[in-house]
Amino acid sequence: MDIFLNFPIIASLVAIFFAQFIKVPIHYIADRKMDWSLLTSTGGMPSSHSAAVTALAIAIAIENGLDSPVFAVATIFAIITMFDATGVRRQAGEQAVVLNQLVADFNILVDQVKNWQKKEDQQKQHQLKELLGHKPIEVFFGALTGAFIAFILYYSVFKG
């Protein structure tokens, strides 16, 4: 059961769960709406992906040093993950917004032409996920979250 003593894994998992959980109160403060679906969704503030890979890299650095090859791998992995979160995934989310608007507009047109108001099942549309990627600020705060979690866990639990 050495896996339960693996500090990098524990730090990464705690960072993910903390970042996902904290999204709910942050969203409530910003929009005055409780949205528990944020616990399992992608995107939003802070980035749980960034928190996880940053916690992983920092935990590895703490255990193996900044000059270790394992730290180098974790750091490059973190950079690629955070770059992807702000790049490709963010663009996919923006495209989903446009596609969802096109679907909504098309449905209005169809409703007007064919009087589909009576067919509720056909009016329900599955929307594409719009909150896929992250704004750079979300990635930044995700990275800070991961760093915070790694240091707190190491000095309070693992080094204790």
N, C-alpha and C. Protein backbone atom coordinates (compact mmCIF):
# COMPACT_ATOMS: atom_id res chain seq x y z
N MET A 1 0.82 -1.20 0.00
CA MET A 1 0.00 0.00 0.00
C MET A 1 0.87 1.27 0.00
N ASP A 2 2.01 1.17 -0.64
CA ASP A 2 2.90 2.32 -0.72
C ASP A 2 2.29 3.48 -1.51
N ILE A 3 1.31 3.18 -2.33
CA ILE A 3 0.69 4.25 -3.13
C ILE A 3 0.06 5.32 -2.24
N PHE A 4 -0.38 4.92 -1.04
CA PHE A 4 -0.98 5.90 -0.12
C PHE A 4 0.07 6.78 0.54
N LEU A 5 1.33 6.45 0.33
CA LEU A 5 2.43 7.26 0.84
C LEU A 5 3.14 8.02 -0.27
N ASN A 6 2.62 7.91 -1.50
CA ASN A 6 3.24 8.57 -2.65
C ASN A 6 2.82 10.04 -2.65
N PHE A 7 3.71 10.88 -2.16
CA PHE A 7 3.41 12.30 -2.01
C PHE A 7 3.02 12.98 -3.32
N PRO A 8 3.72 12.76 -4.45
CA PRO A 8 3.29 13.43 -5.69
C PRO A 8 1.87 13.07 -6.13
N ILE A 9 1.50 11.81 -5.99
CA ILE A 9 0.14 11.41 -6.37
C ILE A 9 -0.89 12.03 -5.43
N ILE A 10 -0.62 11.96 -4.14
CA ILE A 10 -1.55 12.53 -3.15
C ILE A 10 -1.71 14.02 -3.37
N ALA A 11 -0.59 14.73 -3.58
CA ALA A 11 -0.64 16.18 -3.79
C ALA A 11 -1.46 16.51 -5.04
N SER A 12 -1.27 15.77 -6.12
CA SER A 12 -2.02 16.02 -7.35
C SER A 12 -3.50 15.76 -7.18
N LEU A 13 -3.85 14.66 -6.54
CA LEU A 13 -5.27 14.34 -6.34
C LEU A 13 -5.95 15.34 -5.42
N VAL A 14 -5.28 15.73 -4.35
CA VAL A 14 -5.85 16.73 -3.44
C VAL A 14 -6.02 18.06 -4.19
N ALA A 15 -5.05 18.42 -5.01
CA ALA A 15 -5.14 19.67 -5.79
C ALA A 15 -6.35 19.63 -6.74
N ILE A 16 -6.57 18.50 -7.40
CA ILE A 16 -7.73 18.37 -8.30
C ILE A 16 -9.03 18.54 -7.52
N PHE A 17 -9.17 17.79 -6.43
CA PHE A 17 -10.41 17.85 -5.66
C PHE A 17 -10.64 19.24 -5.05
N PHE A 18 -9.58 19.85 -4.54
CA PHE A 18 -9.71 21.18 -3.97
C PHE A 18 -10.11 22.20 -5.04
N ALA A 19 -9.44 22.16 -6.19
CA ALA A 19 -9.75 23.12 -7.27
C ALA A 19 -11.18 22.93 -7.77
N GLN A 20 -11.62 21.68 -7.90
CA GLN A 20 -13.00 21.43 -8.35
C GLN A 20 -14.00 21.92 -7.31
N PHE A 21 -13.73 21.65 -6.04
CA PHE A 21 -14.65 22.06 -4.98
C PHE A 21 -14.74 23.58 -4.86
N ILE A 22 -13.62 24.26 -4.94
CA ILE A 22 -13.60 25.71 -4.74
C ILE A 22 -14.30 26.45 -5.88
N LYS A 23 -14.50 25.79 -7.02
CA LYS A 23 -15.22 26.41 -8.14
C LYS A 23 -16.65 26.78 -7.76
N VAL A 24 -17.27 25.97 -6.90
CA VAL A 24 -18.67 26.20 -6.53
C VAL A 24 -18.82 27.52 -5.77
N PRO A 25 -18.08 27.76 -4.68
CA PRO A 25 -18.23 29.05 -3.99
C PRO A 25 -17.75 30.24 -4.81
N ILE A 26 -16.72 30.04 -5.63
CA ILE A 26 -16.25 31.14 -6.49
C ILE A 26 -17.34 31.53 -7.47
N HIS A 27 -17.98 30.52 -8.07
CA HIS A 27 -19.08 30.79 -9.01
C HIS A 27 -20.24 31.47 -8.29
N TYR A 28 -20.51 31.04 -7.06
CA TYR A 28 -21.60 31.65 -6.29
C TYR A 28 -21.30 33.12 -5.99
N ILE A 29 -20.08 33.42 -5.62
CA ILE A 29 -19.70 34.80 -5.34
C ILE A 29 -19.82 35.65 -6.60
N ALA A 30 -19.42 35.09 -7.73
CA ALA A 30 -19.44 35.85 -8.99
C ALA A 30 -20.84 36.02 -9.56
N ASP A 31 -21.66 34.96 -9.50
CA ASP A 31 -22.97 34.98 -10.18
C ASP A 31 -24.17 34.85 -9.26
N ARG A 32 -23.94 34.69 -7.97
CA ARG A 32 -25.03 34.51 -6.99
C ARG A 32 -25.92 33.31 -7.34
N LYS A 33 -25.30 32.26 -7.92
CA LYS A 33 -26.01 31.03 -8.24
C LYS A 33 -25.17 29.84 -7.79
N MET A 34 -25.80 28.91 -7.08
CA MET A 34 -25.11 27.68 -6.71
C MET A 34 -25.18 26.72 -7.88
N ASP A 35 -24.05 26.25 -8.33
CA ASP A 35 -24.00 25.31 -9.45
C ASP A 35 -23.11 24.14 -9.05
N TRP A 36 -23.74 23.10 -8.49
CA TRP A 36 -22.99 21.94 -8.02
C TRP A 36 -22.42 21.12 -9.16
N SER A 37 -22.89 21.33 -10.38
CA SER A 37 -22.34 20.58 -11.52
C SER A 37 -20.89 20.96 -11.78
N LEU A 38 -20.45 22.09 -11.23
CA LEU A 38 -19.05 22.50 -11.40
C LEU A 38 -18.09 21.53 -10.72
N LEU A 39 -18.58 20.74 -9.78
CA LEU A 39 -17.73 19.76 -9.10
C LEU A 39 -17.13 18.75 -10.07
N THR A 40 -17.85 18.49 -11.16
CA THR A 40 -17.39 17.47 -12.11
C THR A 40 -17.19 18.02 -13.52
N SER A 41 -17.22 19.33 -13.69
CA SER A 41 -17.10 19.90 -15.02
C SER A 41 -15.68 20.37 -15.32
N THR A 42 -15.40 20.54 -16.60
CA THR A 42 -14.11 21.10 -17.01
C THR A 42 -14.24 22.61 -17.13
N GLY A 43 -13.14 23.29 -17.15
CA GLY A 43 -13.16 24.75 -17.27
C GLY A 43 -13.50 25.41 -15.95
N GLY A 44 -13.43 26.71 -15.94
CA GLY A 44 -13.78 27.47 -14.74
C GLY A 44 -12.57 27.83 -13.90
N MET A 45 -12.84 28.59 -12.85
CA MET A 45 -11.79 29.13 -11.97
C MET A 45 -11.77 28.38 -10.66
N PRO A 46 -10.64 27.85 -10.23
CA PRO A 46 -9.35 27.75 -10.92
C PRO A 46 -9.29 26.47 -11.77
N SER A 47 -8.30 26.39 -12.60
CA SER A 47 -8.11 25.22 -13.44
C SER A 47 -7.60 24.06 -12.60
N SER A 48 -8.40 22.99 -12.53
CA SER A 48 -7.96 21.82 -11.77
C SER A 48 -6.84 21.07 -12.49
N HIS A 49 -6.83 21.16 -13.82
CA HIS A 49 -5.73 20.55 -14.58
C HIS A 49 -4.41 21.21 -14.20
N SER A 50 -4.42 22.54 -14.18
CA SER A 50 -3.20 23.28 -13.82
C SER A 50 -2.80 23.02 -12.38
N ALA A 51 -3.79 22.95 -11.50
CA ALA A 51 -3.50 22.67 -10.10
C ALA A 51 -2.85 21.29 -9.96
N ALA A 52 -3.37 20.31 -10.66
CA ALA A 52 -2.85 18.94 -10.56
C ALA A 52 -1.42 18.84 -11.06
N VAL A 53 -1.15 19.36 -12.26
CA VAL A 53 0.19 19.21 -12.82
C VAL A 53 1.22 20.06 -12.08
N THR A 54 0.79 21.20 -11.55
CA THR A 54 1.71 22.03 -10.76
C THR A 54 2.02 21.34 -9.44
N ALA A 55 1.00 20.80 -8.78
CA ALA A 55 1.23 20.07 -7.53
C ALA A 55 2.14 18.87 -7.77
N LEU A 56 1.94 18.18 -8.88
CA LEU A 56 2.79 17.04 -9.22
C LEU A 56 4.24 17.46 -9.39
N ALA A 57 4.47 18.49 -10.18
CA ALA A 57 5.84 18.95 -10.44
C ALA A 57 6.51 19.44 -9.15
N ILE A 58 5.80 20.19 -8.35
CA ILE A 58 6.38 20.71 -7.12
C ILE A 58 6.65 19.58 -6.12
N ALA A 59 5.73 18.63 -6.02
CA ALA A 59 5.94 17.49 -5.11
C ALA A 59 7.17 16.69 -5.54
N ILE A 60 7.33 16.50 -6.84
CA ILE A 60 8.52 15.79 -7.34
C ILE A 60 9.78 16.60 -7.05
N ALA A 61 9.71 17.91 -7.23
CA ALA A 61 10.87 18.76 -6.93
C ALA A 61 11.24 18.68 -5.45
N ILE A 62 10.25 18.68 -4.59
CA ILE A 62 10.51 18.60 -3.14
C ILE A 62 11.19 17.27 -2.81
N GLU A 63 10.69 16.19 -3.40
CA GLU A 63 11.24 14.87 -3.07
C GLU A 63 12.54 14.54 -3.78
N ASN A 64 12.69 14.99 -5.03
CA ASN A 64 13.83 14.56 -5.85
C ASN A 64 14.80 15.68 -6.23
N GLY A 65 14.42 16.91 -5.97
CA GLY A 65 15.28 18.02 -6.32
C GLY A 65 14.97 18.62 -7.68
N LEU A 66 15.36 19.86 -7.83
CA LEU A 66 15.11 20.57 -9.09
C LEU A 66 15.98 20.06 -10.24
N ASP A 67 17.04 19.32 -9.92
CA ASP A 67 17.95 18.83 -10.96
C ASP A 67 17.63 17.41 -11.40
N SER A 68 16.53 16.83 -10.89
CA SER A 68 16.22 15.44 -11.24
C SER A 68 15.54 15.35 -12.59
N PRO A 69 15.82 14.28 -13.33
CA PRO A 69 15.15 14.07 -14.62
C PRO A 69 13.63 13.92 -14.47
N VAL A 70 13.19 13.34 -13.36
CA VAL A 70 11.75 13.16 -13.14
C VAL A 70 11.07 14.53 -13.00
N PHE A 71 11.74 15.46 -12.32
CA PHE A 71 11.19 16.82 -12.21
C PHE A 71 11.12 17.48 -13.59
N ALA A 72 12.14 17.26 -14.42
CA ALA A 72 12.13 17.82 -15.77
C ALA A 72 10.93 17.31 -16.57
N VAL A 73 10.67 16.02 -16.49
CA VAL A 73 9.52 15.43 -17.19
C VAL A 73 8.21 16.03 -16.67
N ALA A 74 8.07 16.11 -15.35
CA ALA A 74 6.85 16.65 -14.75
C ALA A 74 6.65 18.11 -15.13
N THR A 75 7.73 18.88 -15.20
CA THR A 75 7.64 20.30 -15.55
C THR A 75 7.20 20.48 -16.99
N ILE A 76 7.79 19.73 -17.90
CA ILE A 76 7.39 19.82 -19.32
C ILE A 76 5.95 19.36 -19.49
N PHE A 77 5.57 18.31 -18.79
CA PHE A 77 4.19 17.83 -18.80
C PHE A 77 3.24 18.93 -18.32
N ALA A 78 3.62 19.63 -17.26
CA ALA A 78 2.79 20.71 -16.72
C ALA A 78 2.67 21.86 -17.72
N ILE A 79 3.77 22.23 -18.32
CA ILE A 79 3.75 23.34 -19.30
C ILE A 79 2.85 23.00 -20.48
N ILE A 80 2.99 21.80 -21.00
CA ILE A 80 2.16 21.38 -22.14
C ILE A 80 0.69 21.34 -21.75
N THR A 81 0.39 20.81 -20.58
CA THR A 81 -0.99 20.74 -20.11
C THR A 81 -1.61 22.12 -19.97
N MET A 82 -0.87 23.05 -19.37
CA MET A 82 -1.40 24.40 -19.16
C MET A 82 -1.51 25.17 -20.48
N PHE A 83 -0.56 24.95 -21.38
CA PHE A 83 -0.64 25.58 -22.69
C PHE A 83 -1.86 25.07 -23.45
N ASP A 84 -2.09 23.77 -23.39
CA ASP A 84 -3.25 23.17 -24.05
C ASP A 84 -4.55 23.69 -23.45
N ALA A 85 -4.59 23.87 -22.13
CA ALA A 85 -5.81 24.36 -21.47
C ALA A 85 -6.18 25.76 -21.94
N THR A 86 -5.18 26.58 -22.23
CA THR A 86 -5.47 27.95 -22.68
C THR A 86 -5.54 28.05 -24.20
N GLY A 87 -5.09 27.04 -24.90
CA GLY A 87 -5.05 27.10 -26.36
C GLY A 87 -6.14 26.30 -27.01
N VAL A 88 -5.82 25.06 -27.33
CA VAL A 88 -6.72 24.20 -28.10
C VAL A 88 -8.06 24.02 -27.40
N ARG A 89 -8.03 23.69 -26.11
CA ARG A 89 -9.29 23.43 -25.40
C ARG A 89 -10.12 24.70 -25.29
N ARG A 90 -9.47 25.84 -25.10
CA ARG A 90 -10.20 27.11 -25.01
C ARG A 90 -10.88 27.43 -26.34
N GLN A 91 -10.16 27.23 -27.44
CA GLN A 91 -10.73 27.48 -28.76
C GLN A 91 -11.90 26.55 -29.04
N ALA A 92 -11.79 25.30 -28.62
CA ALA A 92 -12.90 24.35 -28.80
C ALA A 92 -14.13 24.82 -28.03
N GLY A 93 -13.92 25.37 -26.85
CA GLY A 93 -15.03 25.90 -26.07
C GLY A 93 -15.68 27.10 -26.75
N GLU A 94 -14.87 27.97 -27.33
CA GLU A 94 -15.42 29.13 -28.04
C GLU A 94 -16.18 28.70 -29.29
N GLN A 95 -15.69 27.68 -29.97
CA GLN A 95 -16.42 27.15 -31.12
C GLN A 95 -17.74 26.53 -30.69
N ALA A 96 -17.75 25.89 -29.55
CA ALA A 96 -18.99 25.29 -29.04
C ALA A 96 -20.04 26.36 -28.78
N VAL A 97 -19.63 27.54 -28.30
CA VAL A 97 -20.57 28.64 -28.07
C VAL A 97 -21.24 29.03 -29.40
N VAL A 98 -20.44 29.19 -30.43
CA VAL A 98 -20.97 29.57 -31.74
C VAL A 98 -21.88 28.48 -32.30
N LEU A 99 -21.46 27.23 -32.20
CA LEU A 99 -22.29 26.13 -32.70
C LEU A 99 -23.61 26.01 -31.95
N ASN A 100 -23.56 26.21 -30.64
CA ASN A 100 -24.80 26.15 -29.86
C ASN A 100 -25.75 27.27 -30.28
N GLN A 101 -25.22 28.45 -30.57
CA GLN A 101 -26.07 29.56 -31.03
C GLN A 101 -26.67 29.24 -32.40
N LEU A 102 -25.87 28.63 -33.28
CA LEU A 102 -26.39 28.24 -34.59
C LEU A 102 -27.51 27.21 -34.45
N VAL A 103 -27.33 26.23 -33.57
CA VAL A 103 -28.36 25.22 -33.33
C VAL A 103 -29.62 25.89 -32.78
N ALA A 104 -29.47 26.82 -31.84
CA ALA A 104 -30.63 27.51 -31.27
C ALA A 104 -31.36 28.32 -32.35
N ASP A 105 -30.61 29.04 -33.16
CA ASP A 105 -31.22 29.83 -34.23
C ASP A 105 -31.92 28.93 -35.25
N PHE A 106 -31.31 27.80 -35.58
CA PHE A 106 -31.92 26.88 -36.52
C PHE A 106 -33.22 26.31 -35.94
N ASN A 107 -33.21 26.00 -34.66
CA ASN A 107 -34.41 25.46 -34.03
C ASN A 107 -35.55 26.48 -34.02
N ILE A 108 -35.23 27.73 -33.83
CA ILE A 108 -36.26 28.77 -33.90
C ILE A 108 -36.87 28.81 -35.29
N LEU A 109 -36.02 28.74 -36.30
CA LEU A 109 -36.49 28.74 -37.68
C LEU A 109 -37.39 27.54 -37.95
N VAL A 110 -36.96 26.37 -37.53
CA VAL A 110 -37.75 25.16 -37.75
C VAL A 110 -39.09 25.24 -37.02
N ASP A 111 -39.06 25.75 -35.78
CA ASP A 111 -40.30 25.90 -35.01
C ASP A 111 -41.28 26.82 -35.72
N GLN A 112 -40.77 27.89 -36.28
CA GLN A 112 -41.63 28.84 -36.96
C GLN A 112 -42.19 28.23 -38.24
N VAL A 113 -41.40 27.45 -38.93
CA VAL A 113 -41.84 26.88 -40.20
C VAL A 113 -42.76 25.69 -40.00
N LYS A 114 -42.46 24.82 -39.09
CA LYS A 114 -43.20 23.57 -38.95
C LYS A 114 -44.05 23.48 -37.69
N ASN A 115 -44.07 24.50 -36.88
CA ASN A 115 -44.89 24.52 -35.67
C ASN A 115 -44.55 23.33 -34.75
N TRP A 116 -43.31 23.25 -34.38
CA TRP A 116 -42.85 22.13 -33.57
C TRP A 116 -43.08 22.33 -32.08
N GLN A 117 -43.80 23.34 -31.70
CA GLN A 117 -44.03 23.58 -30.28
C GLN A 117 -44.72 22.41 -29.61
N LYS A 118 -45.47 21.64 -30.35
CA LYS A 118 -46.22 20.52 -29.79
C LYS A 118 -45.32 19.30 -29.56
N LYS A 119 -44.15 19.31 -30.09
CA LYS A 119 -43.25 18.15 -30.01
C LYS A 119 -42.10 18.47 -29.06
N GLU A 120 -42.37 18.39 -27.75
CA GLU A 120 -41.39 18.79 -26.76
C GLU A 120 -40.09 17.99 -26.84
N ASP A 121 -40.18 16.69 -27.10
CA ASP A 121 -38.98 15.86 -27.16
C ASP A 121 -38.05 16.31 -28.29
N GLN A 122 -38.62 16.76 -29.39
CA GLN A 122 -37.80 17.20 -30.51
C GLN A 122 -37.23 18.59 -30.28
N GLN A 123 -37.78 19.33 -29.33
CA GLN A 123 -37.29 20.67 -29.06
C GLN A 123 -36.08 20.65 -28.15
N LYS A 124 -35.93 19.58 -27.39
CA LYS A 124 -34.80 19.48 -26.49
C LYS A 124 -33.54 19.19 -27.31
N GLN A 125 -32.54 19.99 -27.12
CA GLN A 125 -31.31 19.84 -27.87
C GLN A 125 -30.16 19.59 -26.91
N HIS A 126 -29.30 18.69 -27.28
CA HIS A 126 -28.09 18.45 -26.50
C HIS A 126 -27.06 19.50 -26.91
N GLN A 127 -26.68 20.33 -25.97
CA GLN A 127 -25.73 21.38 -26.29
C GLN A 127 -24.31 20.86 -26.13
N LEU A 128 -23.45 21.35 -27.00
CA LEU A 128 -22.03 21.02 -26.89
C LEU A 128 -21.45 21.69 -25.66
N LYS A 129 -20.48 21.07 -25.06
CA LYS A 129 -19.85 21.61 -23.86
C LYS A 129 -19.03 22.84 -24.23
N GLU A 130 -19.41 23.98 -23.65
CA GLU A 130 -18.77 25.24 -23.98
C GLU A 130 -17.62 25.57 -23.04
N LEU A 131 -17.67 25.04 -21.84
CA LEU A 131 -16.65 25.37 -20.85
C LEU A 131 -15.58 24.29 -20.87
N LEU A 132 -14.81 24.23 -21.96
CA LEU A 132 -13.79 23.20 -22.12
C LEU A 132 -12.43 23.66 -21.65
N GLY A 133 -12.05 24.83 -22.04
CA GLY A 133 -10.71 25.32 -21.76
C GLY A 133 -10.71 26.38 -20.69
N HIS A 134 -9.57 27.02 -20.55
CA HIS A 134 -9.40 28.00 -19.50
C HIS A 134 -8.84 29.31 -20.04
N LYS A 135 -9.23 30.39 -19.39
CA LYS A 135 -8.59 31.67 -19.62
C LYS A 135 -7.23 31.61 -18.95
N PRO A 136 -6.27 32.39 -19.43
CA PRO A 136 -4.94 32.38 -18.80
C PRO A 136 -4.98 32.64 -17.28
N ILE A 137 -5.87 33.49 -16.82
CA ILE A 137 -5.95 33.77 -15.39
C ILE A 137 -6.42 32.54 -14.62
N GLU A 138 -7.30 31.73 -15.22
CA GLU A 138 -7.76 30.50 -14.57
C GLU A 138 -6.62 29.49 -14.45
N VAL A 139 -5.79 29.41 -15.50
CA VAL A 139 -4.63 28.53 -15.46
C VAL A 139 -3.63 29.02 -14.41
N PHE A 140 -3.41 30.32 -14.35
CA PHE A 140 -2.49 30.90 -13.38
C PHE A 140 -2.93 30.55 -11.96
N PHE A 141 -4.20 30.78 -11.65
CA PHE A 141 -4.68 30.49 -10.31
C PHE A 141 -4.75 28.98 -10.04
N GLY A 142 -4.95 28.19 -11.07
CA GLY A 142 -4.86 26.74 -10.91
C GLY A 142 -3.45 26.33 -10.53
N ALA A 143 -2.46 26.92 -11.18
CA ALA A 143 -1.07 26.62 -10.85
C ALA A 143 -0.75 27.06 -9.42
N LEU A 144 -1.23 28.24 -9.02
CA LEU A 144 -1.01 28.69 -7.64
C LEU A 144 -1.67 27.74 -6.65
N THR A 145 -2.87 27.27 -6.99
CA THR A 145 -3.57 26.32 -6.13
C THR A 145 -2.76 25.04 -5.96
N GLY A 146 -2.24 24.53 -7.06
CA GLY A 146 -1.43 23.32 -7.00
C GLY A 146 -0.17 23.50 -6.18
N ALA A 147 0.49 24.63 -6.35
CA ALA A 147 1.70 24.92 -5.58
C ALA A 147 1.36 24.99 -4.09
N PHE A 148 0.31 25.70 -3.77
CA PHE A 148 -0.13 25.85 -2.38
C PHE A 148 -0.42 24.49 -1.76
N ILE A 149 -1.18 23.67 -2.46
CA ILE A 149 -1.55 22.34 -1.95
C ILE A 149 -0.31 21.48 -1.72
N ALA A 150 0.62 21.48 -2.68
CA ALA A 150 1.82 20.66 -2.56
C ALA A 150 2.64 21.05 -1.33
N PHE A 151 2.86 22.35 -1.14
CA PHE A 151 3.65 22.79 0.00
C PHE A 151 2.94 22.52 1.33
N ILE A 152 1.66 22.83 1.39
CA ILE A 152 0.89 22.61 2.62
C ILE A 152 0.89 21.12 3.00
N LEU A 153 0.62 20.26 2.03
CA LEU A 153 0.60 18.82 2.31
C LEU A 153 1.97 18.32 2.76
N TYR A 154 3.00 18.76 2.08
CA TYR A 154 4.34 18.27 2.41
C TYR A 154 4.73 18.67 3.83
N TYR A 155 4.56 19.94 4.14
CA TYR A 155 5.02 20.40 5.45
C TYR A 155 4.08 20.07 6.60
N SER A 156 2.81 19.77 6.30
CA SER A 156 1.89 19.45 7.40
C SER A 156 1.64 17.95 7.56
N VAL A 157 1.73 17.17 6.47
CA VAL A 157 1.41 15.76 6.54
C VAL A 157 2.63 14.87 6.32
N PHE A 158 3.34 15.07 5.24
CA PHE A 158 4.40 14.15 4.85
C PHE A 158 5.71 14.38 5.61
N LYS A 159 6.05 15.63 5.88
CA LYS A 159 7.28 15.90 6.62
C LYS A 159 6.99 15.90 8.11
N GLY A 160 5.79 16.38 8.44
CA GLY A 160 5.21 16.48 9.75
C GLY A 160 6.03 16.08 10.87
